[in-house]
Amino acid sequence: MIFHPLLTLNNDLMFVFLLVHLTLYIVVFFSHEREQ
């Protein structure tokens, strides 16, 4: 019973991490394109 909320929390964190990573990648890409 203790591991179930931990697993769901881990999944949420993984999803948020992927979203943040993708957003940062897009922001860096566009800023780099704008520089040139």
N, C-alpha and C. Protein backbone atom coordinates (compact mmCIF):
# COMPACT_ATOMS: atom_id res chain seq x y z
N MET A 1 0.84 -1.21 0.00
CA MET A 1 0.00 0.00 0.00
C MET A 1 0.87 1.26 0.00
N ILE A 2 2.05 1.14 0.57
CA ILE A 2 2.93 2.31 0.61
C ILE A 2 3.54 2.58 -0.77
N PHE A 3 3.73 1.50 -1.52
CA PHE A 3 4.43 1.67 -2.81
C PHE A 3 3.54 2.23 -3.91
N HIS A 4 2.23 2.07 -3.76
CA HIS A 4 1.34 2.51 -4.84
C HIS A 4 1.39 4.04 -5.04
N PRO A 5 1.20 4.85 -4.01
CA PRO A 5 1.31 6.31 -4.20
C PRO A 5 2.71 6.71 -4.64
N LEU A 6 3.70 5.98 -4.19
CA LEU A 6 5.08 6.29 -4.58
C LEU A 6 5.26 6.07 -6.08
N LEU A 7 4.67 5.01 -6.58
CA LEU A 7 4.79 4.72 -8.02
C LEU A 7 4.05 5.77 -8.84
N THR A 8 2.85 6.14 -8.41
CA THR A 8 2.11 7.15 -9.16
C THR A 8 2.85 8.49 -9.11
N LEU A 9 3.42 8.80 -7.98
CA LEU A 9 4.18 10.04 -7.85
C LEU A 9 5.39 10.00 -8.78
N ASN A 10 6.05 8.84 -8.82
CA ASN A 10 7.20 8.68 -9.70
C ASN A 10 6.80 8.87 -11.16
N ASN A 11 5.65 8.33 -11.54
CA ASN A 11 5.18 8.49 -12.91
C ASN A 11 4.89 9.96 -13.22
N ASP A 12 4.27 10.64 -12.27
CA ASP A 12 3.97 12.07 -12.48
C ASP A 12 5.26 12.87 -12.61
N LEU A 13 6.23 12.56 -11.77
CA LEU A 13 7.50 13.27 -11.84
C LEU A 13 8.20 13.01 -13.17
N MET A 14 8.11 11.77 -13.63
CA MET A 14 8.74 11.44 -14.91
C MET A 14 8.08 12.19 -16.04
N PHE A 15 6.75 12.28 -15.99
CA PHE A 15 6.01 13.00 -17.03
C PHE A 15 6.37 14.49 -17.01
N VAL A 16 6.40 15.07 -15.82
CA VAL A 16 6.75 16.49 -15.68
C VAL A 16 8.18 16.72 -16.15
N PHE A 17 9.08 15.81 -15.80
CA PHE A 17 10.48 15.93 -16.21
C PHE A 17 10.60 15.93 -17.73
N LEU A 18 9.86 15.03 -18.37
CA LEU A 18 9.89 14.96 -19.84
C LEU A 18 9.32 16.24 -20.45
N LEU A 19 8.24 16.74 -19.87
CA LEU A 19 7.64 17.97 -20.40
C LEU A 19 8.61 19.15 -20.27
N VAL A 20 9.23 19.27 -19.11
CA VAL A 20 10.17 20.37 -18.89
C VAL A 20 11.36 20.24 -19.83
N HIS A 21 11.85 19.01 -19.99
CA HIS A 21 13.00 18.79 -20.87
C HIS A 21 12.66 19.17 -22.31
N LEU A 22 11.48 18.76 -22.75
CA LEU A 22 11.05 19.07 -24.12
C LEU A 22 10.87 20.58 -24.29
N THR A 23 10.29 21.23 -23.30
CA THR A 23 10.08 22.68 -23.38
C THR A 23 11.41 23.42 -23.43
N LEU A 24 12.35 23.01 -22.59
CA LEU A 24 13.67 23.65 -22.59
C LEU A 24 14.36 23.44 -23.93
N TYR A 25 14.24 22.24 -24.48
CA TYR A 25 14.86 21.95 -25.77
C TYR A 25 14.30 22.85 -26.86
N ILE A 26 12.97 23.03 -26.85
CA ILE A 26 12.32 23.87 -27.86
C ILE A 26 12.75 25.33 -27.68
N VAL A 27 12.80 25.79 -26.44
CA VAL A 27 13.19 27.18 -26.17
C VAL A 27 14.63 27.43 -26.63
N VAL A 28 15.51 26.51 -26.31
CA VAL A 28 16.93 26.65 -26.71
C VAL A 28 17.04 26.61 -28.23
N PHE A 29 16.29 25.73 -28.86
CA PHE A 29 16.33 25.61 -30.32
C PHE A 29 15.89 26.91 -30.98
N PHE A 30 14.76 27.47 -30.52
CA PHE A 30 14.24 28.69 -31.13
C PHE A 30 15.15 29.88 -30.86
N SER A 31 15.70 29.96 -29.66
CA SER A 31 16.60 31.08 -29.36
C SER A 31 17.88 30.97 -30.20
N HIS A 32 18.34 29.76 -30.43
CA HIS A 32 19.52 29.55 -31.26
C HIS A 32 19.22 29.93 -32.71
N GLU A 33 18.05 29.56 -33.19
CA GLU A 33 17.65 29.90 -34.55
C GLU A 33 17.51 31.42 -34.71
N ARG A 34 17.02 32.07 -33.68
CA ARG A 34 16.82 33.51 -33.74
C ARG A 34 18.17 34.24 -33.75
N GLU A 35 19.16 33.67 -33.06
CA GLU A 35 20.48 34.30 -33.04
C GLU A 35 21.07 34.38 -34.45
N GLN A 36 20.96 33.29 -35.19
CA GLN A 36 21.49 33.28 -36.55
C GLN A 36 20.46 33.85 -37.47
